[in-house]
């Protein structure tokens, strides 16, 4: 959808006009912000509210206790994001599915100062606060950024906020992760990290649920209900990780004990896969650097696309593999991965709902460089101007000098006798070779 032209000053004028007349100047606002203001108006949010509404201390304590699993899973990623913000005035915040604040990390001034960010127990839904960096992403179901006066409440105009929903294995929203800074430039630097952190937290939540199901089956391996729950969980998670092995075909020929052992083995392998994914997402969410060494660019791109498959599905964008020339480059795999991730996320945004992103990897022989290109192909109804391709290049290694390449690909789970192993990215839904 076309973005309306807007600037901080024009948005400030739109807010002043709304406060004085109750009318929304749609020509002065970005399209998604306009829609968010309209929702806030219909819900009766107060743009002049002096502060956010708050749960009582007792209700806040109870809510935090109830949400300890989410808070514990999110904490390491919040710490990584806070560290990445460095000396910027910032806060990293976590809320539940109703946009009630659960936890906050940041610099002393932002967390405890006179212009502090709302803390645990604060109600951040659009109904209460209007457009903001936690309630709005939960309402829209995806990443959202609110810059200064785009906030519905005047007291939030100091901040640039961004947020993203957190989901469980079934796609149900269980909370939201956000970042608050004073400078918009600092916000843009954190966006990719926020997406990675959200994916990592979701992986941690999946892992905790799977481990709980495993413990129940181990305690009572003949329990029909526990076996059924674990079986459904493993099937769903292995499908999402592109390793859709099935054990049902041989169930009738197995004893209950044998079936439970097979299921537990499969569940443990799936847990290991998810644990590895969480670690990869955490490394991508950080500013860590490694060493320059041989890297297979083609494989790195494929594995990143595998990690981004769920995000592409959420944004209703198809990933299409184009030319995939084997290319070896010399690079810091962590830094290169973040560059590729940024290009891919930009391409997804430019493609928009119903669009596609074509991914090509080739060797630029004249420059002796490996090049990964992400070409956005918006849906016809949105394709007014063709977006520029997003590209990442890295110095190539001459044939015969590759050495031992680094492959941080996710582990391929061993198939049982008679079962064909999945073939990586080609086995994923929504990605066409």
Protein backbone atom coordinates (compact mmCIF):
# COMPACT_ATOMS: atom_id res chain seq x y z
CA UNK A 1 0.00 0.00 0.00
CA UNK A 2 1.26 3.48 -0.88
CA UNK A 3 2.68 5.45 2.02
CA UNK A 4 1.38 8.98 2.42
CA UNK A 5 4.10 11.61 2.49
CA UNK A 6 4.72 12.78 6.05
CA UNK A 7 7.38 14.44 8.14
CA UNK A 8 7.79 14.94 11.84
CA UNK A 9 6.55 18.51 11.46
CA UNK A 10 3.50 17.57 9.38
CA UNK A 11 2.64 14.82 11.84
CA UNK A 12 2.95 17.30 14.71
CA UNK A 13 0.50 19.62 12.90
CA UNK A 14 -1.90 16.70 12.39
CA UNK A 15 -1.79 15.92 16.11
CA UNK A 16 -2.36 19.55 17.12
CA UNK A 17 -5.30 19.77 14.72
CA UNK A 18 -6.82 16.57 16.09
CA UNK A 19 -6.47 17.70 19.70
CA UNK A 20 -8.13 21.05 18.96
CA UNK A 21 -10.84 19.91 16.51
CA UNK A 22 -11.22 16.15 16.82
CA UNK A 23 -10.57 15.80 13.08
CA UNK A 24 -7.79 13.62 11.65
CA UNK A 25 -5.83 15.25 8.81
CA UNK A 26 -5.26 12.16 6.70
CA UNK A 27 -3.01 13.90 4.15
CA UNK A 28 -0.43 14.62 6.87
CA UNK A 29 -0.01 11.05 8.14
CA UNK A 30 1.54 7.82 6.93
CA UNK A 31 -1.14 5.34 5.87
CA UNK A 32 -0.61 2.80 8.73
CA UNK A 33 -0.43 5.61 11.30
CA UNK A 34 -3.63 7.12 9.93
CA UNK A 35 -5.43 3.80 10.38
CA UNK A 36 -4.04 3.46 13.90
CA UNK A 37 -5.23 6.98 14.83
CA UNK A 38 -8.66 6.18 13.45
CA UNK A 39 -8.83 3.06 15.61
CA UNK A 40 -7.69 5.01 18.67
CA UNK A 41 -10.33 7.67 18.01
CA UNK A 42 -13.08 5.07 17.69
CA UNK A 43 -11.91 3.36 20.90
CA UNK A 44 -12.00 6.64 22.80
CA UNK A 45 -8.30 6.91 23.67
CA UNK A 46 -7.36 10.24 25.24
CA UNK A 47 -4.51 12.04 23.38
CA UNK A 48 -4.03 14.37 26.38
CA UNK A 49 -3.70 11.60 28.97
CA UNK A 50 -1.04 12.73 31.49
CA UNK A 51 0.21 9.18 32.02
CA UNK A 52 -0.60 5.57 31.21
CA UNK A 53 -3.18 3.66 33.19
CA UNK A 54 -1.71 1.14 35.61
CA UNK A 55 -2.65 -2.12 37.27
CA UNK A 56 -2.50 -2.16 41.04
CA UNK A 57 0.76 -3.30 42.61
CA UNK A 58 -0.88 -6.58 43.66
CA UNK A 59 -2.35 -7.28 40.20
CA UNK A 60 0.99 -6.44 38.58
CA UNK A 61 2.80 -8.86 40.89
CA UNK A 62 0.28 -11.60 40.09
CA UNK A 63 0.56 -10.99 36.33
CA UNK A 64 4.37 -11.07 36.42
CA UNK A 65 4.23 -14.36 38.34
CA UNK A 66 1.82 -15.84 35.78
CA UNK A 67 4.04 -14.75 32.89
CA UNK A 68 7.38 -15.94 34.27
CA UNK A 69 7.91 -18.41 31.41
CA UNK A 70 7.65 -15.61 28.84
CA UNK A 71 9.76 -13.20 30.91
CA UNK A 72 12.49 -15.80 31.47
CA UNK A 73 12.59 -16.75 27.78
CA UNK A 74 12.77 -13.10 26.72
CA UNK A 75 15.33 -11.85 29.25
CA UNK A 76 18.55 -12.91 27.43
CA UNK A 77 17.32 -11.34 24.19
CA UNK A 78 16.27 -8.14 25.94
CA UNK A 79 19.76 -7.93 27.44
CA UNK A 80 21.33 -8.36 23.99
CA UNK A 81 19.15 -5.58 22.57
CA UNK A 82 19.87 -3.26 25.49
CA UNK A 83 23.61 -3.86 25.09
CA UNK A 84 23.33 -3.15 21.35
CA UNK A 85 21.64 0.19 22.05
CA UNK A 86 24.84 1.21 23.84
CA UNK A 87 24.89 4.76 25.18
CA UNK A 88 21.59 5.72 23.53
CA UNK A 89 18.72 6.66 25.82
CA UNK A 90 16.64 3.52 25.41
CA UNK A 91 14.34 0.91 26.88
CA UNK A 92 13.63 -2.66 25.77
CA UNK A 93 10.16 -3.70 26.89
CA UNK A 94 8.05 -6.84 27.05
CA UNK A 95 4.26 -7.08 27.33
CA UNK A 96 1.63 -9.82 27.49
CA UNK A 97 -0.99 -10.54 24.80
CA UNK A 98 -3.21 -7.73 26.16
CA UNK A 99 -0.35 -5.20 25.90
CA UNK A 100 0.20 -5.01 29.66
CA UNK A 101 3.86 -4.29 30.43
CA UNK A 102 5.73 -7.17 32.09
CA UNK A 103 9.40 -6.20 32.05
CA UNK A 104 11.70 -3.38 31.00
CA UNK A 105 15.46 -2.95 30.56
CA UNK A 106 17.36 0.19 29.65
CA UNK A 107 19.51 3.05 30.84
CA UNK A 108 18.85 4.52 34.29
CA UNK A 109 17.23 7.71 32.99
CA UNK A 110 14.81 5.87 30.69
CA UNK A 111 13.78 3.33 33.33
CA UNK A 112 13.76 5.44 36.51
CA UNK A 113 14.16 9.10 35.46
CA UNK A 114 11.52 11.86 35.32
CA UNK A 115 10.77 11.07 31.64
CA UNK A 116 10.85 7.32 32.14
CA UNK A 117 9.18 4.71 29.98
CA UNK A 118 5.99 3.12 31.45
CA UNK A 119 6.97 0.17 33.63
CA UNK A 120 5.45 -3.20 34.58
CA UNK A 121 1.68 -3.10 35.02
CA UNK A 122 1.20 -0.24 32.51
CA UNK A 123 -1.68 -0.71 30.06
CA UNK A 124 -0.34 -0.16 26.54
CA UNK A 125 -3.27 -1.30 24.39
CA UNK A 126 -4.54 1.00 21.63
CA UNK A 127 -7.80 1.32 23.54
CA UNK A 128 -5.95 2.99 26.41
CA UNK A 129 -2.85 4.55 24.80
CA UNK A 130 -3.77 4.84 21.15
CA UNK A 131 -0.96 4.36 18.65
CA UNK A 132 2.20 3.09 20.38
CA UNK A 133 5.07 0.64 19.98
CA UNK A 134 3.47 -2.28 21.83
CA UNK A 135 -0.30 -2.01 21.52
CA UNK A 136 -0.25 -1.24 17.79
CA UNK A 137 1.93 -4.23 16.75
CA UNK A 138 -0.40 -6.51 18.73
CA UNK A 139 -3.39 -4.98 16.94
CA UNK A 140 -1.90 -5.17 13.44
CA UNK A 141 -0.24 -8.54 13.98
CA UNK A 142 3.18 -7.49 12.72
CA UNK A 143 6.17 -5.20 13.15
CA UNK A 144 5.26 -1.53 13.63
CA UNK A 145 7.27 1.64 14.24
CA UNK A 146 5.88 4.87 15.73
CA UNK A 147 8.06 7.97 15.36
CA UNK A 148 7.66 10.90 17.78
CA UNK A 149 4.35 12.71 17.20
CA UNK A 150 2.91 9.67 15.42
CA UNK A 151 2.10 8.52 18.96
CA UNK A 152 -1.51 9.25 19.83
CA UNK A 153 -0.70 10.46 23.35
CA UNK A 154 1.27 13.70 23.51
CA UNK A 155 3.44 12.52 26.38
CA UNK A 156 4.98 9.87 24.11
CA UNK A 157 6.13 12.34 21.42
CA UNK A 158 9.67 12.32 22.83
CA UNK A 159 10.13 8.71 21.80
CA UNK A 160 10.54 6.56 18.72
CA UNK A 161 9.09 3.13 19.44
CA UNK A 162 8.99 -0.13 17.53
CA UNK A 163 7.52 -3.47 18.42
CA UNK A 164 6.71 -6.94 17.16
CA UNK A 165 4.27 -9.64 18.37
CA UNK A 166 5.47 -12.89 19.93
CA UNK A 167 3.63 -16.09 18.99
CA UNK A 168 3.40 -19.67 20.19
CA UNK A 169 3.62 -22.84 18.07
CA UNK A 170 0.05 -22.44 16.84
CA UNK A 171 0.54 -18.82 15.80
CA UNK A 172 -1.37 -17.38 18.74
CA UNK A 173 -0.02 -14.05 20.01
CA UNK A 174 1.32 -14.47 23.56
CA UNK A 175 3.04 -11.11 23.99
CA UNK A 176 5.03 -8.35 22.37
CA UNK A 177 8.65 -7.17 22.32
CA UNK A 178 9.51 -3.51 21.84
CA UNK A 179 12.36 -1.01 21.75
CA UNK A 180 12.12 2.67 22.72
CA UNK A 181 14.76 5.28 21.85
CA UNK A 182 14.97 9.07 21.61
CA UNK A 183 16.61 9.26 18.16
CA UNK A 184 14.91 7.74 15.06
CA UNK A 185 18.34 6.79 13.65
CA UNK A 186 18.98 4.60 16.68
CA UNK A 187 15.64 2.89 16.08
CA UNK A 188 16.51 1.92 12.50
CA UNK A 189 19.71 0.29 13.73
CA UNK A 190 17.75 -1.90 16.14
CA UNK A 191 15.00 -3.06 13.80
CA UNK A 192 16.68 -6.18 12.41
CA UNK A 193 17.90 -7.10 15.89
CA UNK A 194 14.36 -6.81 17.24
CA UNK A 195 13.03 -9.19 14.58
CA UNK A 196 15.81 -11.70 15.35
CA UNK A 197 15.20 -11.42 19.10
CA UNK A 198 11.47 -12.05 18.63
CA UNK A 199 12.20 -15.17 16.56
CA UNK A 200 14.64 -16.37 19.22
CA UNK A 201 12.14 -15.85 22.04
CA UNK A 202 9.52 -17.78 20.11
CA UNK A 203 12.01 -20.63 19.66
CA UNK A 204 12.71 -20.61 23.41
CA UNK A 205 8.97 -20.83 24.15
CA UNK A 206 8.59 -23.74 21.73
CA UNK A 207 11.51 -25.49 23.36
CA UNK A 208 10.07 -25.08 26.86
CA UNK A 209 6.71 -26.47 25.79
CA UNK A 210 8.29 -29.41 23.99
CA UNK A 211 10.53 -30.24 26.95
CA UNK A 212 7.49 -30.18 29.24
CA UNK A 213 5.65 -32.60 26.94
CA UNK A 214 8.73 -34.88 26.84
CA UNK A 215 8.87 -34.98 30.65
CA UNK A 216 5.20 -36.01 30.82
CA UNK A 217 5.73 -38.91 28.41
CA UNK A 218 8.88 -40.03 30.22
CA UNK A 219 6.96 -40.07 33.50
CA UNK A 220 4.21 -42.24 32.00
CA UNK A 221 5.26 -43.70 28.62
CA UNK A 222 1.97 -45.56 28.22
CA UNK A 223 -0.26 -42.52 28.79
CA UNK A 224 -2.40 -42.17 25.63
CA UNK A 225 -3.16 -38.49 26.20
CA UNK A 226 0.48 -37.54 26.84
CA UNK A 227 1.62 -39.49 23.75
CA UNK A 228 -1.01 -37.83 21.57
CA UNK A 229 -0.06 -34.33 22.74
CA UNK A 230 3.65 -34.98 22.17
CA UNK A 231 2.99 -36.51 18.75
CA UNK A 232 0.97 -33.48 17.62
CA UNK A 233 3.60 -31.09 18.97
CA UNK A 234 6.47 -32.91 17.23
CA UNK A 235 4.58 -33.08 13.93
CA UNK A 236 3.83 -29.36 14.04
CA UNK A 237 7.36 -28.32 15.00
CA UNK A 238 9.10 -30.57 12.52
CA UNK A 239 6.86 -29.26 9.77
CA UNK A 240 7.80 -25.69 10.70
CA UNK A 241 11.49 -26.61 10.73
CA UNK A 242 11.30 -28.24 7.27
CA UNK A 243 11.97 -31.73 8.63
CA UNK A 244 8.52 -33.25 8.22
CA UNK A 245 9.22 -36.83 9.23
CA UNK A 246 6.20 -38.95 10.11
CA UNK A 247 6.03 -41.99 12.37
CA UNK A 248 2.35 -42.78 12.10
CA UNK A 249 2.74 -45.26 9.22
CA UNK A 250 4.56 -47.75 11.44
CA UNK A 251 2.58 -47.12 14.60
CA UNK A 252 0.34 -50.16 14.10
CA UNK A 253 3.37 -52.46 13.90
CA UNK A 254 4.93 -51.08 17.11
CA UNK A 255 4.31 -51.91 20.71
CA UNK A 256 3.24 -48.97 22.89
CA UNK A 257 6.66 -48.93 24.53
CA UNK A 258 8.49 -48.96 21.18
CA UNK A 259 6.25 -46.21 19.88
CA UNK A 260 6.92 -44.06 22.96
CA UNK A 261 10.69 -44.55 22.62
CA UNK A 262 10.61 -43.64 18.93
CA UNK A 263 8.50 -40.57 19.64
CA UNK A 264 10.78 -39.47 22.47
CA UNK A 265 13.85 -39.82 20.25
CA UNK A 266 12.18 -37.74 17.57
CA UNK A 267 11.13 -35.15 20.14
CA UNK A 268 14.66 -34.87 21.52
CA UNK A 269 16.05 -34.35 18.01
CA UNK A 270 13.42 -31.69 17.37
CA UNK A 271 14.31 -29.99 20.66
CA UNK A 272 17.95 -29.93 19.62
CA UNK A 273 17.01 -28.35 16.31
CA UNK A 274 14.96 -25.64 18.05
CA UNK A 275 17.71 -25.05 20.61
CA UNK A 276 20.17 -24.47 17.77
CA UNK A 277 17.76 -22.09 16.05
CA UNK A 278 17.39 -20.07 19.23
CA UNK A 279 21.18 -19.73 19.48
CA UNK A 280 21.43 -18.64 15.84
CA UNK A 281 18.73 -16.00 16.33
CA UNK A 282 20.44 -14.75 19.48
CA UNK A 283 23.75 -14.36 17.65
CA UNK A 284 21.99 -12.49 14.82
CA UNK A 285 20.30 -10.20 17.37
CA UNK A 286 23.67 -9.22 18.85
CA UNK A 287 26.64 -7.19 17.63
CA UNK A 288 29.09 -10.07 18.05
CA UNK A 289 31.76 -10.52 15.42
CA UNK A 290 33.73 -13.58 14.45
CA UNK A 291 36.71 -14.22 12.21
CA UNK A 292 37.02 -13.96 8.46
CA UNK A 293 37.16 -17.38 6.93
CA UNK A 294 35.82 -19.29 3.89
CA UNK A 295 32.02 -19.28 3.75
CA UNK A 296 29.69 -20.86 1.19
CA UNK A 297 27.52 -17.84 0.36
CA UNK A 298 24.89 -19.94 -1.42
CA UNK A 299 24.33 -22.17 1.59
CA UNK A 300 24.32 -19.23 4.00
CA UNK A 301 21.56 -17.57 1.96
CA UNK A 302 19.54 -20.78 1.84
CA UNK A 303 19.71 -21.31 5.58
CA UNK A 304 18.76 -17.71 6.33
CA UNK A 305 15.76 -18.08 4.04
CA UNK A 306 14.81 -21.22 5.93
CA UNK A 307 14.90 -19.23 9.16
CA UNK A 308 12.81 -16.46 7.58
CA UNK A 309 10.15 -18.75 6.13
CA UNK A 310 7.70 -18.11 8.97
CA UNK A 311 8.23 -14.34 8.76
CA UNK A 312 7.55 -14.47 5.01
CA UNK A 313 4.33 -16.41 5.63
CA UNK A 314 3.23 -13.84 8.19
CA UNK A 315 3.85 -11.02 5.73
CA UNK A 316 2.12 -13.04 2.96
CA UNK A 317 5.19 -12.91 0.75
CA UNK A 318 6.43 -15.85 -1.34
CA UNK A 319 10.16 -16.63 -1.40
CA UNK A 320 11.34 -17.76 -4.83
CA UNK A 321 14.79 -19.22 -5.39
CA UNK A 322 16.30 -17.97 -8.64
CA UNK A 323 19.87 -18.52 -9.78
CA UNK A 324 21.87 -20.31 -7.09
CA UNK A 325 25.43 -20.46 -8.36
CA UNK A 326 27.83 -22.11 -5.87
CA UNK A 327 29.95 -19.25 -4.55
CA UNK A 328 32.70 -19.35 -1.91
CA UNK A 329 33.61 -16.08 -0.23
CA UNK A 330 35.89 -14.99 2.57
CA UNK A 331 33.94 -13.19 5.27
CA UNK A 332 32.96 -12.95 8.92
CA UNK A 333 29.91 -15.26 8.81
CA UNK A 334 28.10 -13.37 11.59
CA UNK A 335 28.53 -9.97 9.96
CA UNK A 336 27.68 -11.33 6.52
CA UNK A 337 24.59 -13.09 7.91
CA UNK A 338 23.31 -9.81 9.38
CA UNK A 339 23.87 -8.02 6.08
CA UNK A 340 21.94 -10.75 4.24
CA UNK A 341 19.20 -10.69 6.86
CA UNK A 342 18.82 -6.92 6.54
CA UNK A 343 18.56 -7.16 2.75
CA UNK A 344 16.01 -9.98 2.99
CA UNK A 345 13.83 -8.12 5.52
CA UNK A 346 13.95 -4.96 3.40
CA UNK A 347 12.91 -6.97 0.36
CA UNK A 348 10.00 -8.57 2.24
CA UNK A 349 8.74 -5.14 3.27
CA UNK A 350 9.04 -3.76 -0.28
CA UNK A 351 7.24 -6.78 -1.76
CA UNK A 352 4.21 -6.35 0.49
CA UNK A 353 1.23 -8.71 0.98
CA UNK A 354 0.63 -10.96 -2.01
CA UNK A 355 4.07 -10.20 -3.45
CA UNK A 356 7.20 -12.27 -3.84
CA UNK A 357 10.93 -11.97 -3.35
CA UNK A 358 13.28 -13.62 -5.85
CA UNK A 359 16.69 -14.57 -4.46
CA UNK A 360 19.72 -14.97 -6.73
CA UNK A 361 23.30 -15.85 -5.76
CA UNK A 362 25.98 -15.56 -8.38
CA UNK A 363 29.68 -14.94 -8.85
CA UNK A 364 30.50 -11.51 -10.28
CA UNK A 365 33.60 -12.61 -12.17
CA UNK A 366 34.86 -9.18 -13.18
CA UNK A 367 34.80 -7.96 -9.57
CA UNK A 368 35.71 -11.43 -8.24
CA UNK A 369 32.92 -11.09 -5.69
CA UNK A 370 30.00 -13.20 -4.54
CA UNK A 371 26.69 -11.39 -4.80
CA UNK A 372 23.30 -12.22 -3.24
CA UNK A 373 20.37 -10.24 -4.66
CA UNK A 374 16.87 -10.01 -3.20
CA UNK A 375 14.43 -8.69 -5.83
CA UNK A 376 11.02 -7.56 -4.54
CA UNK A 377 8.06 -8.33 -6.82
CA UNK A 378 4.98 -6.57 -5.40
CA UNK A 379 1.49 -7.84 -6.18
CA UNK A 380 0.09 -6.23 -9.38
CA UNK A 381 -2.35 -4.02 -7.50
CA UNK A 382 0.54 -2.45 -5.55
CA UNK A 383 3.24 -2.46 -8.24
CA UNK A 384 3.24 1.22 -9.19
CA UNK A 385 7.03 1.55 -9.17
CA UNK A 386 9.41 -1.43 -9.25
CA UNK A 387 11.45 -1.45 -6.01
CA UNK A 388 15.21 -1.49 -6.31
CA UNK A 389 16.81 -4.89 -5.59
CA UNK A 390 18.59 -5.35 -2.26
CA UNK A 391 22.10 -6.75 -2.76
CA UNK A 392 24.99 -7.97 -0.60
CA UNK A 393 28.47 -8.60 -1.98
CA UNK A 394 31.56 -10.20 -0.47
CA UNK A 395 35.06 -10.94 -1.86
CA UNK A 396 35.06 -14.31 -3.60
CA UNK A 397 37.68 -17.02 -3.13
CA UNK A 398 39.34 -18.28 -6.28
CA UNK A 399 38.57 -21.90 -7.27
CA UNK A 400 40.97 -24.29 -5.61
CA UNK A 401 41.63 -21.91 -2.71
CA UNK A 402 38.37 -22.47 -0.83
CA UNK A 403 39.89 -24.34 2.10
CA UNK A 404 37.41 -25.76 4.61
CA UNK A 405 34.20 -23.69 4.26
CA UNK A 406 32.11 -22.67 7.23
CA UNK A 407 28.59 -24.06 7.16
CA UNK A 408 26.43 -23.08 10.13
CA UNK A 409 23.44 -24.81 8.59
CA UNK A 410 20.86 -26.28 10.90
CA UNK A 411 21.43 -29.97 11.64
CA UNK A 412 19.78 -32.46 9.31
CA UNK A 413 17.88 -34.90 11.48
CA UNK A 414 18.56 -38.54 10.81
CA UNK A 415 15.71 -40.38 9.13
CA UNK A 416 14.54 -43.73 10.41
CA UNK A 417 15.05 -46.80 8.17
CA UNK A 418 12.70 -46.62 5.22
CA UNK A 419 12.12 -42.85 5.55
CA UNK A 420 13.59 -40.34 3.14
CA UNK A 421 15.26 -37.36 4.80
CA UNK A 422 13.95 -33.91 4.02
CA UNK A 423 16.11 -31.98 1.57
CA UNK A 424 16.49 -28.69 3.38
CA UNK A 425 15.03 -25.53 1.89
CA UNK A 426 13.39 -27.28 -1.07
CA UNK A 427 11.21 -29.18 1.40
CA UNK A 428 9.79 -26.02 2.92
CA UNK A 429 6.39 -24.78 1.93
CA UNK A 430 6.12 -21.50 0.08
CA UNK A 431 9.64 -21.60 -1.37
CA UNK A 432 9.94 -22.57 -5.01
CA UNK A 433 13.19 -23.72 -6.56
